PDB file of N, CA and C in Angstrom:
ATOM      1  N   MET A   1      43.198  32.484  46.384  1.00  0.00           N
ATOM      2  CA  MET A   1      42.796  33.636  47.148  1.00  0.00           C
ATOM      3  C   MET A   1      41.363  33.548  47.258  1.00  0.00           C
ATOM      4  N   ALA A   2      40.839  33.934  48.215  1.00  0.00           N
ATOM      5  CA  ALA A   2      39.368  33.892  48.282  1.00  0.00           C
ATOM      6  C   ALA A   2      38.650  34.973  47.606  1.00  0.00           C
ATOM      7  N   LYS A   3      37.339  34.933  47.001  1.00  0.00           N
ATOM      8  CA  LYS A   3      36.742  35.885  46.388  1.00  0.00           C
ATOM      9  C   LYS A   3      36.191  37.043  47.322  1.00  0.00           C
ATOM     10  N   LYS A   4      35.869  38.033  46.847  1.00  0.00           N
ATOM     11  CA  LYS A   4      35.427  39.117  47.912  1.00  0.00           C
ATOM     12  C   LYS A   4      33.976  38.794  48.347  1.00  0.00           C
ATOM     13  N   VAL A   5      33.835  38.904  49.611  1.00  0.00           N
ATOM     14  CA  VAL A   5      32.542  38.660  50.261  1.00  0.00           C
ATOM     15  C   VAL A   5      31.952  39.807  50.841  1.00  0.00           C
ATOM     16  N   ASN A   6      30.505  40.042  50.725  1.00  0.00           N
ATOM     17  CA  ASN A   6      29.687  41.241  50.954  1.00  0.00           C
ATOM     18  C   ASN A   6      29.389  41.206  52.557  1.00  0.00           C
ATOM     19  N   ILE A   7      30.285  40.534  53.448  1.00  0.00           N
ATOM     20  CA  ILE A   7      30.185  40.579  54.839  1.00  0.00           C
ATOM     21  C   ILE A   7      31.142  41.190  55.525  1.00  0.00           C
ATOM     22  N   LYS A   8      30.939  42.297  56.347  1.00  0.00           N
ATOM     23  CA  LYS A   8      31.944  42.987  56.990  1.00  0.00           C
ATOM     24  C   LYS A   8      31.903  42.758  58.384  1.00  0.00           C
ATOM     25  N   PRO A   9      32.587  41.920  59.002  1.00  0.00           N
ATOM     26  CA  PRO A   9      32.468  41.719  60.582  1.00  0.00           C
ATOM     27  C   PRO A   9      32.755  43.021  61.348  1.00  0.00           C
ATOM     28  N   LEU A  10      32.012  43.061  62.560  1.00  0.00           N
ATOM     29  CA  LEU A  10      32.145  44.236  63.304  1.00  0.00           C
ATOM     30  C   LEU A  10      33.054  43.887  64.614  1.00  0.00           C
ATOM     31  N   GLY A  11      33.634  44.825  65.239  1.00  0.00           N
ATOM     32  CA  GLY A  11      34.327  44.719  66.470  1.00  0.00           C
ATOM     33  C   GLY A  11      35.558  43.761  66.329  1.00  0.00           C
ATOM     34  N   ASP A  12      35.612  42.651  67.292  1.00  0.00           N
ATOM     35  CA  ASP A  12      36.797  41.815  67.266  1.00  0.00           C
ATOM     36  C   ASP A  12      36.332  40.498  66.429  1.00  0.00           C
ATOM     37  N   ARG A  13      35.268  40.446  65.721  1.00  0.00           N
ATOM     38  CA  ARG A  13      34.989  39.260  64.985  1.00  0.00           C
ATOM     39  C   ARG A  13      35.663  39.254  63.752  1.00  0.00           C
ATOM     40  N   VAL A  14      35.749  37.730  63.314  1.00  0.00           N
ATOM     41  CA  VAL A  14      36.393  37.364  62.080  1.00  0.00           C
ATOM     42  C   VAL A  14      35.586  36.398  61.416  1.00  0.00           C
ATOM     43  N   LEU A  15      35.493  36.628  60.071  1.00  0.00           N
ATOM     44  CA  LEU A  15      34.853  35.772  59.069  1.00  0.00           C
ATOM     45  C   LEU A  15      35.908  34.711  58.548  1.00  0.00           C
ATOM     46  N   VAL A  16      35.453  33.412  58.640  1.00  0.00           N
ATOM     47  CA  VAL A  16      36.335  32.321  58.230  1.00  0.00           C
ATOM     48  C   VAL A  16      35.492  31.371  57.180  1.00  0.00           C
ATOM     49  N   LYS A  17      36.194  30.842  56.467  1.00  0.00           N
ATOM     50  CA  LYS A  17      35.450  29.589  55.686  1.00  0.00           C
ATOM     51  C   LYS A  17      36.255  28.354  55.844  1.00  0.00           C
ATOM     52  N   ALA A  18      35.434  27.289  56.251  1.00  0.00           N
ATOM     53  CA  ALA A  18      36.073  26.221  56.648  1.00  0.00           C
ATOM     54  C   ALA A  18      36.605  25.458  55.608  1.00  0.00           C
ATOM     55  N   ILE A  19      37.854  24.870  55.806  1.00  0.00           N
ATOM     56  CA  ILE A  19      38.660  24.182  54.786  1.00  0.00           C
ATOM     57  C   ILE A  19      38.291  22.586  54.962  1.00  0.00           C
ATOM     58  N   GLU A  20      37.720  22.074  53.984  1.00  0.00           N
ATOM     59  CA  GLU A  20      37.253  20.623  54.119  1.00  0.00           C
ATOM     60  C   GLU A  20      38.438  19.798  54.006  1.00  0.00           C
ATOM     61  N   SER A  21      38.546  18.859  55.046  1.00  0.00           N
ATOM     62  CA  SER A  21      39.735  17.880  54.866  1.00  0.00           C
ATOM     63  C   SER A  21      39.326  16.790  53.753  1.00  0.00           C
ATOM     64  N   SER A  22      40.331  16.160  53.318  1.00  0.00           N
ATOM     65  CA  SER A  22      39.940  15.107  52.408  1.00  0.00           C
ATOM     66  C   SER A  22      39.561  13.821  53.090  1.00  0.00           C
ATOM     67  N   GLU A  23      38.498  13.329  52.530  1.00  0.00           N
ATOM     68  CA  GLU A  23      37.934  12.097  53.169  1.00  0.00           C
ATOM     69  C   GLU A  23      38.731  10.848  53.030  1.00  0.00           C
ATOM     70  N   GLU A  24      38.985  10.132  53.855  1.00  0.00           N
ATOM     71  CA  GLU A  24      39.604   8.879  53.807  1.00  0.00           C
ATOM     72  C   GLU A  24      38.780   7.860  54.367  1.00  0.00           C
ATOM     73  N   VAL A  25      38.372   6.762  53.720  1.00  0.00           N
ATOM     74  CA  VAL A  25      37.605   5.755  54.016  1.00  0.00           C
ATOM     75  C   VAL A  25      38.503   4.467  54.310  1.00  0.00           C
ATOM     76  N   LYS A  26      38.524   3.901  55.480  1.00  0.00           N
ATOM     77  CA  LYS A  26      39.241   2.923  55.897  1.00  0.00           C
ATOM     78  C   LYS A  26      38.405   1.732  56.133  1.00  0.00           C
ATOM     79  N   GLY A  27      38.923   0.551  55.633  1.00  0.00           N
ATOM     80  CA  GLY A  27      38.076  -0.681  55.782  1.00  0.00           C
ATOM     81  C   GLY A  27      36.662  -0.607  55.199  1.00  0.00           C
ATOM     82  N   GLY A  28      36.507   0.260  54.183  1.00  0.00           N
ATOM     83  CA  GLY A  28      35.209   0.242  53.443  1.00  0.00           C
ATOM     84  C   GLY A  28      34.024   0.794  54.277  1.00  0.00           C
ATOM     85  N   ILE A  29      34.218   1.294  55.429  1.00  0.00           N
ATOM     86  CA  ILE A  29      33.218   2.086  56.224  1.00  0.00           C
ATOM     87  C   ILE A  29      32.960   3.389  55.724  1.00  0.00           C
ATOM     88  N   ILE A  30      31.775   3.763  55.286  1.00  0.00           N
ATOM     89  CA  ILE A  30      31.490   5.111  55.079  1.00  0.00           C
ATOM     90  C   ILE A  30      30.705   5.934  56.226  1.00  0.00           C
ATOM     91  N   ILE A  31      31.402   7.014  56.536  1.00  0.00           N
ATOM     92  CA  ILE A  31      30.726   7.758  57.713  1.00  0.00           C
ATOM     93  C   ILE A  31      29.696   8.809  57.039  1.00  0.00           C
ATOM     94  N   PRO A  32      28.352   8.790  57.363  1.00  0.00           N
ATOM     95  CA  PRO A  32      27.558   9.907  56.864  1.00  0.00           C
ATOM     96  C   PRO A  32      27.957  11.240  57.362  1.00  0.00           C
ATOM     97  N   ASP A  33      27.510  12.314  56.393  1.00  0.00           N
ATOM     98  CA  ASP A  33      27.810  13.610  56.751  1.00  0.00           C
ATOM     99  C   ASP A  33      27.352  13.936  58.213  1.00  0.00           C
ATOM    100  N   THR A  34      26.208  13.525  58.580  1.00  0.00           N
ATOM    101  CA  THR A  34      25.621  13.675  60.010  1.00  0.00           C
ATOM    102  C   THR A  34      26.389  13.490  61.157  1.00  0.00           C
ATOM    103  N   ALA A  35      27.242  12.392  60.963  1.00  0.00           N
ATOM    104  CA  ALA A  35      28.127  11.925  61.996  1.00  0.00           C
ATOM    105  C   ALA A  35      29.451  12.521  61.970  1.00  0.00           C
ATOM    106  N   LYS A  36      29.859  13.274  60.969  1.00  0.00           N
ATOM    107  CA  LYS A  36      31.150  13.785  60.824  1.00  0.00           C
ATOM    108  C   LYS A  36      31.276  15.016  61.850  1.00  0.00           C
ATOM    109  N   GLU A  37      32.382  15.287  62.512  1.00  0.00           N
ATOM    110  CA  GLU A  37      32.762  16.340  63.137  1.00  0.00           C
ATOM    111  C   GLU A  37      32.734  17.532  62.458  1.00  0.00           C
ATOM    112  N   LYS A  38      32.415  18.723  62.976  1.00  0.00           N
ATOM    113  CA  LYS A  38      32.715  19.965  62.178  1.00  0.00           C
ATOM    114  C   LYS A  38      34.199  20.261  62.054  1.00  0.00           C
ATOM    115  N   PRO A  39      34.713  20.790  60.835  1.00  0.00           N
ATOM    116  CA  PRO A  39      36.062  20.974  60.575  1.00  0.00           C
ATOM    117  C   PRO A  39      36.482  22.170  61.456  1.00  0.00           C
ATOM    118  N   THR A  40      37.598  22.117  61.983  1.00  0.00           N
ATOM    119  CA  THR A  40      38.103  23.109  62.739  1.00  0.00           C
ATOM    120  C   THR A  40      39.271  23.974  62.261  1.00  0.00           C
ATOM    121  N   GLU A  41      39.616  23.528  60.864  1.00  0.00           N
ATOM    122  CA  GLU A  41      40.518  24.295  60.067  1.00  0.00           C
ATOM    123  C   GLU A  41      39.814  25.200  59.194  1.00  0.00           C
ATOM    124  N   ALA A  42      40.202  26.511  59.215  1.00  0.00           N
ATOM    125  CA  ALA A  42      39.474  27.434  58.311  1.00  0.00           C
ATOM    126  C   ALA A  42      40.606  28.545  57.694  1.00  0.00           C
ATOM    127  N   GLU A  43      39.980  29.237  56.826  1.00  0.00           N
ATOM    128  CA  GLU A  43      40.842  30.450  56.067  1.00  0.00           C
ATOM    129  C   GLU A  43      40.115  31.629  56.594  1.00  0.00           C
ATOM    130  N   VAL A  44      40.953  32.720  57.037  1.00  0.00           N
ATOM    131  CA  VAL A  44      40.448  33.968  57.337  1.00  0.00           C
ATOM    132  C   VAL A  44      40.071  34.643  56.000  1.00  0.00           C
ATOM    133  N   ILE A  45      38.719  35.097  56.031  1.00  0.00           N
ATOM    134  CA  ILE A  45      38.281  35.675  54.706  1.00  0.00           C
ATOM    135  C   ILE A  45      38.215  37.223  55.026  1.00  0.00           C
ATOM    136  N   ALA A  46      37.690  37.593  56.212  1.00  0.00           N
ATOM    137  CA  ALA A  46      37.531  39.138  56.625  1.00  0.00           C
ATOM    138  C   ALA A  46      37.677  39.382  58.061  1.00  0.00           C
ATOM    139  N   LEU A  47      38.214  40.611  58.298  1.00  0.00           N
ATOM    140  CA  LEU A  47      38.315  41.130  59.826  1.00  0.00           C
ATOM    141  C   LEU A  47      37.534  42.120  60.085  1.00  0.00           C
ATOM    142  N   GLY A  48      37.074  42.182  61.314  1.00  0.00           N
ATOM    143  CA  GLY A  48      36.293  43.378  61.855  1.00  0.00           C
ATOM    144  C   GLY A  48      37.187  44.731  62.092  1.00  0.00           C
ATOM    145  N   THR A  49      36.558  45.570  62.832  1.00  0.00           N
ATOM    146  CA  THR A  49      37.439  46.749  63.225  1.00  0.00           C
ATOM    147  C   THR A  49      38.370  46.520  64.189  1.00  0.00           C
ATOM    148  N   GLY A  50      38.286  45.650  65.062  1.00  0.00           N
ATOM    149  CA  GLY A  50      39.230  45.448  66.234  1.00  0.00           C
ATOM    150  C   GLY A  50      38.562  45.710  67.591  1.00  0.00           C
ATOM    151  N   ARG A  51      39.015  45.044  68.602  1.00  0.00           N
ATOM    152  CA  ARG A  51      38.464  45.239  69.937  1.00  0.00           C
ATOM    153  C   ARG A  51      39.172  46.482  70.536  1.00  0.00           C
ATOM    154  N   LYS A  52      38.271  47.136  71.294  1.00  0.00           N
ATOM    155  CA  LYS A  52      38.557  48.410  71.930  1.00  0.00           C
ATOM    156  C   LYS A  52      39.323  48.136  73.192  1.00  0.00           C
ATOM    157  N   ASN A  53      40.399  48.683  73.541  1.00  0.00           N
ATOM    158  CA  ASN A  53      41.115  48.711  74.856  1.00  0.00           C
ATOM    159  C   ASN A  53      40.344  49.585  75.902  1.00  0.00           C
ATOM    160  N   ASP A  54      40.550  49.428  77.258  1.00  0.00           N
ATOM    161  CA  ASP A  54      40.029  50.401  78.104  1.00  0.00           C
ATOM    162  C   ASP A  54      40.258  51.777  77.953  1.00  0.00           C
ATOM    163  N   ASP A  55      41.435  52.200  77.165  1.00  0.00           N
ATOM    164  CA  ASP A  55      41.848  53.454  77.048  1.00  0.00           C
ATOM    165  C   ASP A  55      41.157  54.111  75.675  1.00  0.00           C
ATOM    166  N   GLY A  56      40.479  53.255  74.997  1.00  0.00           N
ATOM    167  CA  GLY A  56      39.835  53.620  73.725  1.00  0.00           C
ATOM    168  C   GLY A  56      40.639  53.294  72.419  1.00  0.00           C
ATOM    169  N   SER A  57      41.886  52.917  72.571  1.00  0.00           N
ATOM    170  CA  SER A  57      42.690  52.481  71.487  1.00  0.00           C
ATOM    171  C   SER A  57      42.117  51.092  71.093  1.00  0.00           C
ATOM    172  N   THR A  58      42.515  50.832  69.661  1.00  0.00           N
ATOM    173  CA  THR A  58      42.166  49.616  69.153  1.00  0.00           C
ATOM    174  C   THR A  58      43.299  48.578  69.101  1.00  0.00           C
ATOM    175  N   ARG A  59      42.883  47.364  69.572  1.00  0.00           N
ATOM    176  CA  ARG A  59      43.998  46.315  69.590  1.00  0.00           C
ATOM    177  C   ARG A  59      43.943  45.735  68.311  1.00  0.00           C
ATOM    178  N   PRO A  60      45.109  45.501  67.752  1.00  0.00           N
ATOM    179  CA  PRO A  60      45.314  44.919  66.471  1.00  0.00           C
ATOM    180  C   PRO A  60      44.955  43.414  66.445  1.00  0.00           C
ATOM    181  N   PHE A  61      44.567  42.849  65.323  1.00  0.00           N
ATOM    182  CA  PHE A  61      44.235  41.332  65.251  1.00  0.00           C
ATOM    183  C   PHE A  61      45.630  40.708  65.174  1.00  0.00           C
ATOM    184  N   GLU A  62      45.624  39.495  65.700  1.00  0.00           N
ATOM    185  CA  GLU A  62      46.865  38.765  65.547  1.00  0.00           C
ATOM    186  C   GLU A  62      46.707  37.742  64.412  1.00  0.00           C
ATOM    187  N   VAL A  63      45.537  37.823  63.587  1.00  0.00           N
ATOM    188  CA  VAL A  63      45.509  37.102  62.280  1.00  0.00           C
ATOM    189  C   VAL A  63      45.290  38.066  61.181  1.00  0.00           C
ATOM    190  N   LYS A  64      45.566  37.595  59.993  1.00  0.00           N
ATOM    191  CA  LYS A  64      45.207  38.420  58.944  1.00  0.00           C
ATOM    192  C   LYS A  64      44.642  37.605  57.769  1.00  0.00           C
ATOM    193  N   VAL A  65      43.960  38.318  56.893  1.00  0.00           N
ATOM    194  CA  VAL A  65      43.090  37.910  55.878  1.00  0.00           C
ATOM    195  C   VAL A  65      44.101  36.794  55.137  1.00  0.00           C
ATOM    196  N   GLY A  66      43.498  35.481  54.809  1.00  0.00           N
ATOM    197  CA  GLY A  66      44.350  34.721  53.986  1.00  0.00           C
ATOM    198  C   GLY A  66      45.109  33.564  54.957  1.00  0.00           C
ATOM    199  N   ASP A  67      45.058  33.764  56.380  1.00  0.00           N
ATOM    200  CA  ASP A  67      45.745  32.980  57.271  1.00  0.00           C
ATOM    201  C   ASP A  67      44.798  31.580  57.256  1.00  0.00           C
ATOM    202  N   ARG A  68      45.545  30.623  57.513  1.00  0.00           N
ATOM    203  CA  ARG A  68      44.859  29.103  57.768  1.00  0.00           C
ATOM    204  C   ARG A  68      44.870  29.201  59.357  1.00  0.00           C
ATOM    205  N   VAL A  69      43.770  28.895  59.985  1.00  0.00           N
ATOM    206  CA  VAL A  69      43.679  28.962  61.361  1.00  0.00           C
ATOM    207  C   VAL A  69      42.865  27.593  61.830  1.00  0.00           C
ATOM    208  N   ILE A  70      43.050  27.396  63.207  1.00  0.00           N
ATOM    209  CA  ILE A  70      42.394  26.418  63.793  1.00  0.00           C
ATOM    210  C   ILE A  70      41.436  27.151  64.770  1.00  0.00           C
ATOM    211  N   THR A  71      40.168  26.806  64.513  1.00  0.00           N
ATOM    212  CA  THR A  71      39.014  27.356  65.334  1.00  0.00           C
ATOM    213  C   THR A  71      38.414  26.424  66.517  1.00  0.00           C
ATOM    214  N   SER A  72      37.804  27.054  67.526  1.00  0.00           N
ATOM    215  CA  SER A  72      37.055  26.420  68.328  1.00  0.00           C
ATOM    216  C   SER A  72      35.902  25.595  67.700  1.00  0.00           C
ATOM    217  N   LYS A  73      35.712  24.263  68.011  1.00  0.00           N
ATOM    218  CA  LYS A  73      34.790  23.512  67.448  1.00  0.00           C
ATOM    219  C   LYS A  73      33.421  24.110  67.554  1.00  0.00           C
ATOM    220  N   TYR A  74      32.889  24.561  68.668  1.00  0.00           N
ATOM    221  CA  TYR A  74      31.484  25.113  68.699  1.00  0.00           C
ATOM    222  C   TYR A  74      31.428  26.647  68.826  1.00  0.00           C
ATOM    223  N   GLY A  75      32.412  27.366  68.540  1.00  0.00           N
ATOM    224  CA  GLY A  75      32.368  28.892  68.382  1.00  0.00           C
ATOM    225  C   GLY A  75      31.822  29.431  67.132  1.00  0.00           C
ATOM    226  N   GLY A  76      31.176  30.661  67.403  1.00  0.00           N
ATOM    227  CA  GLY A  76      30.848  31.283  66.354  1.00  0.00           C
ATOM    228  C   GLY A  76      29.373  31.043  65.830  1.00  0.00           C
ATOM    229  N   THR A  77      29.061  31.757  64.633  1.00  0.00           N
ATOM    230  CA  THR A  77      27.813  31.625  64.199  1.00  0.00           C
ATOM    231  C   THR A  77      27.972  31.251  62.578  1.00  0.00           C
ATOM    232  N   GLU A  78      27.318  30.292  62.211  1.00  0.00           N
ATOM    233  CA  GLU A  78      27.301  30.026  60.701  1.00  0.00           C
ATOM    234  C   GLU A  78      26.360  30.864  60.024  1.00  0.00           C
ATOM    235  N   VAL A  79      27.146  31.392  58.799  1.00  0.00           N
ATOM    236  CA  VAL A  79      26.358  32.300  57.822  1.00  0.00           C
ATOM    237  C   VAL A  79      26.484  31.755  56.480  1.00  0.00           C
ATOM    238  N   LYS A  80      25.340  31.637  55.883  1.00  0.00           N
ATOM    239  CA  LYS A  80      25.263  31.315  54.479  1.00  0.00           C
ATOM    240  C   LYS A  80      25.160  32.185  53.379  1.00  0.00           C
ATOM    241  N   LEU A  81      26.079  32.475  52.584  1.00  0.00           N
ATOM    242  CA  LEU A  81      25.944  33.496  51.537  1.00  0.00           C
ATOM    243  C   LEU A  81      25.904  32.805  50.090  1.00  0.00           C
ATOM    244  N   ASP A  82      24.848  32.757  49.350  1.00  0.00           N
ATOM    245  CA  ASP A  82      24.653  32.066  48.119  1.00  0.00           C
ATOM    246  C   ASP A  82      24.890  30.583  48.417  1.00  0.00           C
ATOM    247  N   THR A  83      25.738  29.974  47.915  1.00  0.00           N
ATOM    248  CA  THR A  83      25.968  28.478  48.294  1.00  0.00           C
ATOM    249  C   THR A  83      27.069  28.248  49.247  1.00  0.00           C
ATOM    250  N   THR A  84      27.817  29.166  49.683  1.00  0.00           N
ATOM    251  CA  THR A  84      29.006  29.147  50.605  1.00  0.00           C
ATOM    252  C   THR A  84      28.524  29.334  52.022  1.00  0.00           C
ATOM    253  N   THR A  85      29.073  28.453  52.958  1.00  0.00           N
ATOM    254  CA  THR A  85      28.793  28.647  54.403  1.00  0.00           C
ATOM    255  C   THR A  85      30.099  29.220  54.944  1.00  0.00           C
ATOM    256  N   TYR A  86      29.881  30.309  55.646  1.00  0.00           N
ATOM    257  CA  TYR A  86      31.038  30.825  56.439  1.00  0.00           C
ATOM    258  C   TYR A  86      30.774  30.737  57.869  1.00  0.00           C
ATOM    259  N   GLN A  87      31.733  31.204  58.806  1.00  0.00           N
ATOM    260  CA  GLN A  87      31.629  31.051  60.170  1.00  0.00           C
ATOM    261  C   GLN A  87      32.038  32.597  60.635  1.00  0.00           C
ATOM    262  N   LEU A  88      31.145  33.201  61.451  1.00  0.00           N
ATOM    263  CA  LEU A  88      31.578  34.504  61.994  1.00  0.00           C
ATOM    264  C   LEU A  88      31.745  34.168  63.473  1.00  0.00           C
ATOM    265  N   LEU A  89      32.980  34.480  63.991  1.00  0.00           N
ATOM    266  CA  LEU A  89      33.337  34.166  65.220  1.00  0.00           C
ATOM    267  C   LEU A  89      34.332  35.466  65.843  1.00  0.00           C
ATOM    268  N   ARG A  90      34.411  35.307  67.264  1.00  0.00           N
ATOM    269  CA  ARG A  90      35.328  36.286  67.741  1.00  0.00           C
ATOM    270  C   ARG A  90      36.704  35.899  67.651  1.00  0.00           C
ATOM    271  N   GLU A  91      37.707  36.828  67.716  1.00  0.00           N
ATOM    272  CA  GLU A  91      39.069  36.396  67.568  1.00  0.00           C
ATOM    273  C   GLU A  91      39.681  35.445  68.700  1.00  0.00           C
ATOM    274  N   ASP A  92      38.895  35.564  69.819  1.00  0.00           N
ATOM    275  CA  ASP A  92      39.313  34.585  71.074  1.00  0.00           C
ATOM    276  C   ASP A  92      38.896  33.003  70.778  1.00  0.00           C
ATOM    277  N   ASP A  93      38.040  32.800  69.630  1.00  0.00           N
ATOM    278  CA  ASP A  93      37.609  31.496  69.262  1.00  0.00           C
ATOM    279  C   ASP A  93      38.691  31.022  68.297  1.00  0.00           C
ATOM    280  N   ILE A  94      39.566  31.775  67.833  1.00  0.00           N
ATOM    281  CA  ILE A  94      40.657  31.231  67.164  1.00  0.00           C
ATOM    282  C   ILE A  94      41.672  30.738  68.042  1.00  0.00           C
ATOM    283  N   LEU A  95      42.244  29.426  67.757  1.00  0.00           N
ATOM    284  CA  LEU A  95      43.062  28.752  68.785  1.00  0.00           C
ATOM    285  C   LEU A  95      44.533  28.876  68.213  1.00  0.00           C
ATOM    286  N   GLY A  96      44.777  28.935  66.952  1.00  0.00           N
ATOM    287  CA  GLY A  96      46.031  29.023  66.439  1.00  0.00           C
ATOM    288  C   GLY A  96      46.130  29.130  64.988  1.00  0.00           C
ATOM    289  N   ILE A  97      47.339  29.580  64.487  1.00  0.00           N
ATOM    290  CA  ILE A  97      47.629  29.955  63.059  1.00  0.00           C
ATOM    291  C   ILE A  97      48.410  28.762  62.546  1.00  0.00           C
ATOM    292  N   ILE A  98      48.089  28.204  61.446  1.00  0.00           N
ATOM    293  CA  ILE A  98      48.738  27.140  60.833  1.00  0.00           C
ATOM    294  C   ILE A  98      49.730  27.766  59.941  1.00  0.00           C
ATOM    295  N   SER A  99      51.168  27.486  60.151  1.00  0.00           N
ATOM    296  CA  SER A  99      52.159  28.030  59.419  1.00  0.00           C
ATOM    297  C   SER A  99      52.520  27.209  58.179  1.00  0.00           C
TER     298      SER A  99
END
Protein backbone atom coordinates (compact mmCIF):
# COMPACT_ATOMS: atom_id res chain seq x y z
CA MET A 1 0.00 0.00 0.00
CA ALA A 2 1.23 3.50 -0.78
CA LYS A 3 2.38 5.86 1.93
CA LYS A 4 0.40 9.02 2.67
CA VAL A 5 1.24 11.84 0.28
CA ASN A 6 0.80 15.54 1.08
CA ILE A 7 -0.72 16.34 -2.33
CA LYS A 8 -4.51 16.67 -2.63
CA PRO A 9 -5.70 16.78 -6.26
CA LEU A 10 -8.47 19.23 -7.12
CA GLY A 11 -11.54 18.71 -9.28
CA ASP A 12 -11.43 15.64 -11.53
CA ARG A 13 -7.67 15.20 -11.16
CA VAL A 14 -6.00 11.99 -10.01
CA LEU A 15 -2.53 11.56 -8.49
CA VAL A 16 -0.76 8.41 -9.71
CA LYS A 17 2.66 6.85 -9.21
CA ALA A 18 4.23 5.05 -12.16
CA ILE A 19 4.83 1.34 -11.74
CA GLU A 20 8.23 0.54 -13.17
CA SER A 21 8.28 -2.50 -15.39
CA SER A 22 11.06 -5.00 -14.97
CA GLU A 23 13.82 -4.40 -17.50
CA GLU A 24 14.59 -7.28 -19.82
CA VAL A 25 17.74 -7.09 -21.88
CA LYS A 26 17.62 -9.19 -25.02
CA GLY A 27 20.71 -9.94 -27.05
CA GLY A 28 23.00 -8.03 -24.70
CA ILE A 29 21.73 -4.61 -25.86
CA ILE A 30 21.25 -2.11 -23.04
CA ILE A 31 18.79 0.69 -23.73
CA PRO A 32 19.69 3.97 -22.00
CA ASP A 33 17.05 5.57 -19.75
CA THR A 34 16.69 8.52 -22.14
CA ALA A 35 15.56 6.22 -24.97
CA LYS A 36 12.97 4.33 -22.93
CA GLU A 37 9.29 5.14 -23.26
CA LYS A 38 7.48 6.59 -20.27
CA PRO A 39 5.67 3.90 -18.29
CA THR A 40 1.93 3.91 -18.84
CA GLU A 41 1.04 1.64 -15.92
CA ALA A 42 0.45 3.40 -12.61
CA GLU A 43 -1.11 3.10 -9.16
CA VAL A 44 -3.77 5.58 -8.03
CA ILE A 45 -2.48 7.41 -4.93
CA ALA A 46 -5.11 10.14 -4.36
CA LEU A 47 -8.34 11.46 -5.90
CA GLY A 48 -9.64 15.00 -6.25
CA THR A 49 -13.11 16.20 -5.32
CA GLY A 50 -14.72 15.08 -8.61
CA ARG A 51 -16.05 16.74 -11.74
CA LYS A 52 -19.17 18.87 -11.43
CA ASN A 53 -22.13 18.03 -13.66
CA ASP A 54 -24.22 20.78 -15.30
CA ASP A 55 -26.80 20.51 -12.50
CA GLY A 56 -24.12 21.08 -9.81
CA SER A 57 -23.93 17.50 -8.60
CA THR A 58 -20.56 15.75 -8.39
CA ARG A 59 -19.85 12.83 -10.70
CA PRO A 60 -18.15 9.98 -8.81
CA PHE A 61 -14.75 8.71 -9.93
CA GLU A 62 -14.56 5.43 -11.84
CA VAL A 63 -11.21 4.63 -10.16
CA LYS A 64 -10.33 4.35 -6.48
CA VAL A 65 -7.14 4.69 -4.45
CA GLY A 66 -4.98 1.59 -4.90
CA ASP A 67 -6.22 0.73 -8.42
CA ARG A 68 -3.63 -0.17 -11.04
CA VAL A 69 -4.42 1.80 -14.18
CA ILE A 70 -3.16 2.46 -17.69
CA THR A 71 -2.62 6.15 -18.37
CA SER A 72 -2.26 8.24 -21.49
CA LYS A 73 1.42 8.37 -22.44
CA TYR A 74 1.74 12.15 -22.59
CA GLY A 75 -1.10 13.27 -20.31
CA GLY A 76 -0.79 15.04 -17.00
CA THR A 77 1.95 16.90 -15.15
CA GLU A 78 4.93 15.36 -13.37
CA VAL A 79 5.23 16.28 -9.69
CA LYS A 80 8.33 15.44 -7.65
CA LEU A 81 7.95 15.15 -3.88
CA ASP A 82 11.13 14.24 -1.96
CA THR A 83 12.67 11.53 -4.16
CA THR A 84 9.42 10.16 -5.59
CA THR A 85 7.93 11.28 -8.90
CA TYR A 86 4.15 11.33 -9.29
CA GLN A 87 1.88 12.29 -12.15
CA LEU A 88 -1.13 14.56 -11.71
CA LEU A 89 -3.67 13.99 -14.47
CA ARG A 90 -7.34 14.28 -15.29
CA GLU A 91 -9.51 11.20 -14.93
CA ASP A 92 -10.04 11.34 -18.72
CA ASP A 93 -6.30 10.58 -19.16
CA ILE A 94 -6.83 7.18 -17.48
CA LEU A 95 -7.49 4.68 -20.24
CA GLY A 96 -8.32 1.60 -18.20
CA ILE A 97 -8.16 -0.27 -14.90
CA ILE A 98 -6.00 -3.38 -14.66
CA SER A 99 -7.86 -6.15 -12.86
